[in-house]
């Protein structure tokens, strides 16, 4: 197996412990490797058409997110497989997946279940890249976008909660509510998040009125 490590973007160094490519160029699958619990969440993005790995007794074809908080994993890379691996610092992965980490504990989940269609788009871009350096830059740019988006969503959620508690008697344009958001970005994020809050229909309607005027 060939492993190549890359420098983490400065903006991501507080969250990402390690990023590297892993290429199984041998003529056979690798031997099973027992990986001990380390409290870290890892992301493996497949950039080949070869199934990625066998973890436990289950075959994973595409990109995965895996966590070993209290149990070890037996991992076997498939011959011809290639992926870029990102290891997050303990507690940092939730900033990129917008998911409570207890739901990931001791589990392996397909990346498409967390990032939907974006997972396939990332895989395609990595497959088309000309070098591992380019692959490292591509995945880190996506991670940075995801980090910024989730931070923005948290700000929107806080705004919605303030509006709910105020019974609509608050101006959305207030700098207290959206100090770091431009109105266009706020409107796009709010529209997406408020669609999931059916019980707050009246509040949402009032908020949209403020944004239009």
C-alpha atoms as a PDB file:
ATOM      1  CA  UNK A   1       0.000   0.000   0.000  1.00  0.00           C
ATOM      2  CA  UNK A   2       1.233   3.466  -0.922  1.00  0.00           C
ATOM      3  CA  UNK A   3       0.432   6.274   1.532  1.00  0.00           C
ATOM      4  CA  UNK A   4       1.147   9.957   0.883  1.00  0.00           C
ATOM      5  CA  UNK A   5       0.474  12.631   3.482  1.00  0.00           C
ATOM      6  CA  UNK A   6      -0.489  16.248   2.705  1.00  0.00           C
ATOM      7  CA  UNK A   7      -0.453  19.556   4.512  1.00  0.00           C
ATOM      8  CA  UNK A   8      -3.790  20.623   5.970  1.00  0.00           C
ATOM      9  CA  UNK A   9      -5.183  24.050   5.017  1.00  0.00           C
ATOM     10  CA  UNK A  10      -4.588  26.575   7.843  1.00  0.00           C
ATOM     11  CA  UNK A  11      -8.361  27.140   8.171  1.00  0.00           C
ATOM     12  CA  UNK A  12      -8.874  23.421   8.814  1.00  0.00           C
ATOM     13  CA  UNK A  13      -5.920  22.668  11.082  1.00  0.00           C
ATOM     14  CA  UNK A  14      -8.030  23.011  14.240  1.00  0.00           C
ATOM     15  CA  UNK A  15     -10.334  20.253  13.004  1.00  0.00           C
ATOM     16  CA  UNK A  16      -8.282  17.871  10.853  1.00  0.00           C
ATOM     17  CA  UNK A  17      -5.506  15.781  12.365  1.00  0.00           C
ATOM     18  CA  UNK A  18      -4.293  14.083   9.188  1.00  0.00           C
ATOM     19  CA  UNK A  19      -5.006  13.894   5.467  1.00  0.00           C
ATOM     20  CA  UNK A  20      -3.428  11.345   3.149  1.00  0.00           C
ATOM     21  CA  UNK A  21      -4.012   9.269   0.036  1.00  0.00           C
ATOM     22  CA  UNK A  22      -4.033   5.477   0.205  1.00  0.00           C
ATOM     23  CA  UNK A  23      -3.468   3.360  -2.903  1.00  0.00           C
ATOM     24  CA  UNK A  24      -3.623  -0.422  -2.887  1.00  0.00           C
ATOM     25  CA  UNK A  25      -1.561  -1.188  -5.979  1.00  0.00           C
ATOM     26  CA  UNK A  26      -0.676  -4.749  -5.031  1.00  0.00           C
ATOM     27  CA  UNK A  27      -2.008  -7.666  -7.046  1.00  0.00           C
ATOM     28  CA  UNK A  28      -4.116  -8.891  -4.124  1.00  0.00           C
ATOM     29  CA  UNK A  29      -6.239  -7.431  -1.344  1.00  0.00           C
ATOM     30  CA  UNK A  30      -4.317  -6.260   1.701  1.00  0.00           C
ATOM     31  CA  UNK A  31      -4.244  -8.428   4.798  1.00  0.00           C
ATOM     32  CA  UNK A  32      -6.800  -7.626   7.456  1.00  0.00           C
ATOM     33  CA  UNK A  33      -5.551  -4.810   9.670  1.00  0.00           C
ATOM     34  CA  UNK A  34      -6.963  -4.490  13.171  1.00  0.00           C
ATOM     35  CA  UNK A  35      -7.521  -0.795  13.917  1.00  0.00           C
ATOM     36  CA  UNK A  36      -7.873  -0.028  17.612  1.00  0.00           C
ATOM     37  CA  UNK A  37     -10.311   2.539  19.085  1.00  0.00           C
ATOM     38  CA  UNK A  38      -8.897   6.059  18.942  1.00  0.00           C
ATOM     39  CA  UNK A  39     -11.950   8.348  19.532  1.00  0.00           C
ATOM     40  CA  UNK A  40     -11.477   9.865  16.063  1.00  0.00           C
ATOM     41  CA  UNK A  41     -13.906  10.028  13.155  1.00  0.00           C
ATOM     42  CA  UNK A  42     -12.413   9.335   9.726  1.00  0.00           C
ATOM     43  CA  UNK A  43     -13.628  10.121   6.231  1.00  0.00           C
ATOM     44  CA  UNK A  44     -12.532   7.943   3.297  1.00  0.00           C
ATOM     45  CA  UNK A  45     -13.387   9.271  -0.168  1.00  0.00           C
ATOM     46  CA  UNK A  46     -13.052   6.726  -2.982  1.00  0.00           C
ATOM     47  CA  UNK A  47     -11.573   8.037  -6.251  1.00  0.00           C
ATOM     48  CA  UNK A  48     -11.539   4.715  -8.127  1.00  0.00           C
ATOM     49  CA  UNK A  49     -14.209   2.375  -9.511  1.00  0.00           C
ATOM     50  CA  UNK A  50     -12.914  -0.405  -7.246  1.00  0.00           C
ATOM     51  CA  UNK A  51     -14.849  -1.189  -4.039  1.00  0.00           C
ATOM     52  CA  UNK A  52     -13.123   0.587  -1.195  1.00  0.00           C
ATOM     53  CA  UNK A  53     -12.714  -1.905   1.635  1.00  0.00           C
ATOM     54  CA  UNK A  54     -14.110  -4.699   3.743  1.00  0.00           C
ATOM     55  CA  UNK A  55     -14.729  -3.555   7.314  1.00  0.00           C
ATOM     56  CA  UNK A  56     -15.741  -6.345   9.625  1.00  0.00           C
ATOM     57  CA  UNK A  57     -17.605  -8.616   7.261  1.00  0.00           C
ATOM     58  CA  UNK A  58     -19.220  -5.873   5.160  1.00  0.00           C
ATOM     59  CA  UNK A  59     -18.047  -4.638   1.762  1.00  0.00           C
ATOM     60  CA  UNK A  60     -18.137  -0.876   1.159  1.00  0.00           C
ATOM     61  CA  UNK A  61     -18.117   0.166  -2.497  1.00  0.00           C
ATOM     62  CA  UNK A  62     -17.996   3.931  -2.173  1.00  0.00           C
ATOM     63  CA  UNK A  63     -16.942   6.652   0.259  1.00  0.00           C
ATOM     64  CA  UNK A  64     -17.539   6.173   3.971  1.00  0.00           C
ATOM     65  CA  UNK A  65     -17.396   7.867   7.353  1.00  0.00           C
ATOM     66  CA  UNK A  66     -16.270   5.620  10.183  1.00  0.00           C
ATOM     67  CA  UNK A  67     -15.800   5.988  13.925  1.00  0.00           C
ATOM     68  CA  UNK A  68     -14.120   3.718  16.469  1.00  0.00           C
ATOM     69  CA  UNK A  69     -14.916   5.087  19.917  1.00  0.00           C
ATOM     70  CA  UNK A  70     -15.017   1.874  21.923  1.00  0.00           C
ATOM     71  CA  UNK A  71     -14.552  -1.057  19.518  1.00  0.00           C
ATOM     72  CA  UNK A  72     -11.780  -2.081  17.154  1.00  0.00           C
ATOM     73  CA  UNK A  73     -12.324  -2.643  13.417  1.00  0.00           C
ATOM     74  CA  UNK A  74     -10.819  -5.227  11.084  1.00  0.00           C
ATOM     75  CA  UNK A  75     -10.133  -3.505   7.765  1.00  0.00           C
ATOM     76  CA  UNK A  76      -9.087  -4.989   4.420  1.00  0.00           C
ATOM     77  CA  UNK A  77      -8.387  -2.712   1.439  1.00  0.00           C
ATOM     78  CA  UNK A  78      -9.363  -4.108  -1.960  1.00  0.00           C
ATOM     79  CA  UNK A  79      -6.742  -4.478  -4.692  1.00  0.00           C
ATOM     80  CA  UNK A  80      -6.830  -1.501  -7.056  1.00  0.00           C
ATOM     81  CA  UNK A  81      -8.633   0.676  -4.508  1.00  0.00           C
ATOM     82  CA  UNK A  82      -7.611   4.278  -3.948  1.00  0.00           C
ATOM     83  CA  UNK A  83      -8.978   6.842  -1.525  1.00  0.00           C
ATOM     84  CA  UNK A  84      -8.162  10.026   0.282  1.00  0.00           C
ATOM     85  CA  UNK A  85      -8.434   9.700   4.059  1.00  0.00           C
ATOM     86  CA  UNK A  86      -9.207  12.509   6.494  1.00  0.00           C
ATOM     87  CA  UNK A  87      -8.826  11.950  10.226  1.00  0.00           C
ATOM     88  CA  UNK A  88     -10.622  14.524  12.385  1.00  0.00           C
ATOM     89  CA  UNK A  89      -9.601  15.525  15.860  1.00  0.00           C
ATOM     90  CA  UNK A  90     -11.878  14.107  18.602  1.00  0.00           C
ATOM     91  CA  UNK A  91     -15.126  16.067  18.674  1.00  0.00           C
ATOM     92  CA  UNK A  92     -14.390  18.008  15.475  1.00  0.00           C
ATOM     93  CA  UNK A  93     -16.211  15.923  12.846  1.00  0.00           C
ATOM     94  CA  UNK A  94     -19.649  17.230  13.819  1.00  0.00           C
ATOM     95  CA  UNK A  95     -18.684  20.599  12.360  1.00  0.00           C
ATOM     96  CA  UNK A  96     -18.627  19.029   8.889  1.00  0.00           C
ATOM     97  CA  UNK A  97     -21.476  16.519   9.023  1.00  0.00           C
ATOM     98  CA  UNK A  98     -24.009  18.484  11.068  1.00  0.00           C
ATOM     99  CA  UNK A  99     -24.839  15.312  12.950  1.00  0.00           C
ATOM    100  CA  UNK A 100     -24.543  14.447  16.661  1.00  0.00           C
ATOM    101  CA  UNK A 101     -21.455  12.319  17.022  1.00  0.00           C
ATOM    102  CA  UNK A 102     -23.176   9.698  19.181  1.00  0.00           C
ATOM    103  CA  UNK A 103     -25.028   8.653  16.014  1.00  0.00           C
ATOM    104  CA  UNK A 104     -21.678   7.856  14.414  1.00  0.00           C
ATOM    105  CA  UNK A 105     -20.127   6.084  17.381  1.00  0.00           C
ATOM    106  CA  UNK A 106     -18.696   2.664  16.463  1.00  0.00           C
ATOM    107  CA  UNK A 107     -20.389   2.743  13.072  1.00  0.00           C
ATOM    108  CA  UNK A 108     -19.471   2.992   9.401  1.00  0.00           C
ATOM    109  CA  UNK A 109     -21.852   5.075   7.273  1.00  0.00           C
ATOM    110  CA  UNK A 110     -21.900   5.772   3.542  1.00  0.00           C
ATOM    111  CA  UNK A 111     -20.913   9.357   2.835  1.00  0.00           C
ATOM    112  CA  UNK A 112     -23.895   9.677   0.483  1.00  0.00           C
ATOM    113  CA  UNK A 113     -26.196   9.189   3.507  1.00  0.00           C
ATOM    114  CA  UNK A 114     -24.681  12.311   5.073  1.00  0.00           C
ATOM    115  CA  UNK A 115     -23.865  14.557   2.119  1.00  0.00           C
ATOM    116  CA  UNK A 116     -26.404  13.215  -0.407  1.00  0.00           C
ATOM    117  CA  UNK A 117     -25.543  14.010  -4.039  1.00  0.00           C
ATOM    118  CA  UNK A 118     -22.496  16.038  -3.039  1.00  0.00           C
ATOM    119  CA  UNK A 119     -20.692  12.790  -2.176  1.00  0.00           C
ATOM    120  CA  UNK A 120     -20.909  11.596  -5.791  1.00  0.00           C
ATOM    121  CA  UNK A 121     -19.788  14.970  -7.120  1.00  0.00           C
ATOM    122  CA  UNK A 122     -16.693  14.911  -4.908  1.00  0.00           C
ATOM    123  CA  UNK A 123     -15.850  11.368  -5.982  1.00  0.00           C
ATOM    124  CA  UNK A 124     -16.105  12.357  -9.657  1.00  0.00           C
ATOM    125  CA  UNK A 125     -13.867  15.388  -9.191  1.00  0.00           C
ATOM    126  CA  UNK A 126     -11.262  13.337  -7.362  1.00  0.00           C
ATOM    127  CA  UNK A 127     -11.368  10.627 -10.031  1.00  0.00           C
ATOM    128  CA  UNK A 128     -10.749  13.234 -12.748  1.00  0.00           C
ATOM    129  CA  UNK A 129      -7.867  14.904 -10.877  1.00  0.00           C
ATOM    130  CA  UNK A 130      -4.397  14.617 -12.379  1.00  0.00           C
ATOM    131  CA  UNK A 131      -2.462  14.240  -9.124  1.00  0.00           C
ATOM    132  CA  UNK A 132      -2.826  13.488  -5.428  1.00  0.00           C
ATOM    133  CA  UNK A 133      -1.881  17.082  -4.648  1.00  0.00           C
ATOM    134  CA  UNK A 134      -4.882  18.201  -6.669  1.00  0.00           C
ATOM    135  CA  UNK A 135      -7.085  15.665  -4.887  1.00  0.00           C
ATOM    136  CA  UNK A 136      -5.969  16.975  -1.513  1.00  0.00           C
ATOM    137  CA  UNK A 137      -6.822  20.542  -2.536  1.00  0.00           C
ATOM    138  CA  UNK A 138     -10.236  19.518  -3.907  1.00  0.00           C
ATOM    139  CA  UNK A 139     -11.396  17.654  -0.802  1.00  0.00           C
ATOM    140  CA  UNK A 140     -10.131  20.366   1.543  1.00  0.00           C
ATOM    141  CA  UNK A 141     -11.999  23.054  -0.399  1.00  0.00           C
ATOM    142  CA  UNK A 142     -15.196  21.001  -0.061  1.00  0.00           C
ATOM    143  CA  UNK A 143     -14.588  20.529   3.647  1.00  0.00           C
ATOM    144  CA  UNK A 144     -14.025  24.241   4.107  1.00  0.00           C
ATOM    145  CA  UNK A 145     -17.283  24.995   2.265  1.00  0.00           C
ATOM    146  CA  UNK A 146     -19.115  22.469   4.431  1.00  0.00           C
ATOM    147  CA  UNK A 147     -17.660  23.967   7.602  1.00  0.00           C
ATOM    148  CA  UNK A 148     -18.748  27.476   6.632  1.00  0.00           C
ATOM    149  CA  UNK A 149     -22.201  26.274   5.602  1.00  0.00           C
ATOM    150  CA  UNK A 150     -22.821  24.409   8.852  1.00  0.00           C
ATOM    151  CA  UNK A 151     -21.627  27.373  10.912  1.00  0.00           C
ATOM    152  CA  UNK A 152     -24.036  29.571   8.955  1.00  0.00           C
ATOM    153  CA  UNK A 153     -26.860  27.087   9.524  1.00  0.00           C
ATOM    154  CA  UNK A 154     -26.205  27.202  13.266  1.00  0.00           C
ATOM    155  CA  UNK A 155     -26.500  30.979  13.193  1.00  0.00           C
ATOM    156  CA  UNK A 156     -29.780  30.713  11.282  1.00  0.00           C
ATOM    157  CA  UNK A 157     -31.093  28.149  13.756  1.00  0.00           C
ATOM    158  CA  UNK A 158     -30.253  30.531  16.601  1.00  0.00           C
ATOM    159  CA  UNK A 159     -32.124  33.304  14.781  1.00  0.00           C
ATOM    160  CA  UNK A 160     -35.170  31.085  14.326  1.00  0.00           C
ATOM    161  CA  UNK A 161     -35.146  30.203  18.003  1.00  0.00           C
ATOM    162  CA  UNK A 162     -34.955  33.885  18.999  1.00  0.00           C
ATOM    163  CA  UNK A 163     -37.857  34.668  16.687  1.00  0.00           C
ATOM    164  CA  UNK A 164     -39.902  31.787  18.105  1.00  0.00           C
ATOM    165  CA  UNK A 165     -39.327  32.958  21.659  1.00  0.00           C
ATOM    166  CA  UNK A 166     -40.221  36.546  20.789  1.00  0.00           C
ATOM    167  CA  UNK A 167     -43.551  35.498  19.182  1.00  0.00           C
ATOM    168  CA  UNK A 168     -42.563  37.356  16.009  1.00  0.00           C
ATOM    169  CA  UNK A 169     -41.885  40.679  17.738  1.00  0.00           C
ATOM    170  CA  UNK A 170     -38.350  41.058  16.489  1.00  0.00           C
ATOM    171  CA  UNK A 171     -36.745  42.527  13.395  1.00  0.00           C
ATOM    172  CA  UNK A 172     -34.792  40.000  11.354  1.00  0.00           C
ATOM    173  CA  UNK A 173     -32.604  42.744   9.941  1.00  0.00           C
ATOM    174  CA  UNK A 174     -31.330  43.457  13.438  1.00  0.00           C
ATOM    175  CA  UNK A 175     -27.575  43.250  13.736  1.00  0.00           C
ATOM    176  CA  UNK A 176     -28.137  41.309  16.955  1.00  0.00           C
ATOM    177  CA  UNK A 177     -29.662  38.468  14.953  1.00  0.00           C
ATOM    178  CA  UNK A 178     -27.459  38.245  11.887  1.00  0.00           C
ATOM    179  CA  UNK A 179     -24.177  39.970  12.594  1.00  0.00           C
ATOM    180  CA  UNK A 180     -22.106  37.863  10.196  1.00  0.00           C
ATOM    181  CA  UNK A 181     -24.547  37.183   7.366  1.00  0.00           C
ATOM    182  CA  UNK A 182     -25.273  39.115   4.212  1.00  0.00           C
ATOM    183  CA  UNK A 183     -29.009  39.285   3.474  1.00  0.00           C
ATOM    184  CA  UNK A 184     -28.825  37.145   0.330  1.00  0.00           C
ATOM    185  CA  UNK A 185     -26.953  34.341   2.120  1.00  0.00           C
ATOM    186  CA  UNK A 186     -29.343  34.594   5.062  1.00  0.00           C
ATOM    187  CA  UNK A 187     -32.383  34.312   2.800  1.00  0.00           C
ATOM    188  CA  UNK A 188     -31.022  31.209   1.024  1.00  0.00           C
ATOM    189  CA  UNK A 189     -30.117  29.457   4.266  1.00  0.00           C
ATOM    190  CA  UNK A 190     -33.334  30.402   5.998  1.00  0.00           C
ATOM    191  CA  UNK A 191     -35.462  29.137   3.126  1.00  0.00           C
ATOM    192  CA  UNK A 192     -33.750  25.740   3.316  1.00  0.00           C
ATOM    193  CA  UNK A 193     -33.877  25.429   7.089  1.00  0.00           C
ATOM    194  CA  UNK A 194     -37.359  26.813   7.642  1.00  0.00           C
ATOM    195  CA  UNK A 195     -38.763  24.268   5.177  1.00  0.00           C
ATOM    196  CA  UNK A 196     -37.995  21.633   7.826  1.00  0.00           C
ATOM    197  CA  UNK A 197     -39.908  23.488  10.522  1.00  0.00           C
ATOM    198  CA  UNK A 198     -43.575  22.975   9.652  1.00  0.00           C
ATOM    199  CA  UNK A 199     -44.740  23.865  13.147  1.00  0.00           C
ATOM    200  CA  UNK A 200     -43.271  27.370  12.770  1.00  0.00           C
ATOM    201  CA  UNK A 201     -45.192  28.269   9.606  1.00  0.00           C
ATOM    202  CA  UNK A 202     -46.566  31.538  10.928  1.00  0.00           C
ATOM    203  CA  UNK A 203     -43.215  32.707  12.194  1.00  0.00           C
ATOM    204  CA  UNK A 204     -41.591  31.769   8.883  1.00  0.00           C
ATOM    205  CA  UNK A 205     -44.133  33.770   6.936  1.00  0.00           C
ATOM    206  CA  UNK A 206     -43.491  36.827   9.055  1.00  0.00           C
ATOM    207  CA  UNK A 207     -39.756  36.444   8.614  1.00  0.00           C
ATOM    208  CA  UNK A 208     -40.054  36.171   4.835  1.00  0.00           C
ATOM    209  CA  UNK A 209     -42.025  39.402   4.844  1.00  0.00           C
ATOM    210  CA  UNK A 210     -39.186  41.189   6.597  1.00  0.00           C
ATOM    211  CA  UNK A 211     -36.687  39.826   4.077  1.00  0.00           C
ATOM    212  CA  UNK A 212     -38.665  40.917   1.022  1.00  0.00           C
ATOM    213  CA  UNK A 213     -39.193  44.488   2.145  1.00  0.00           C
END
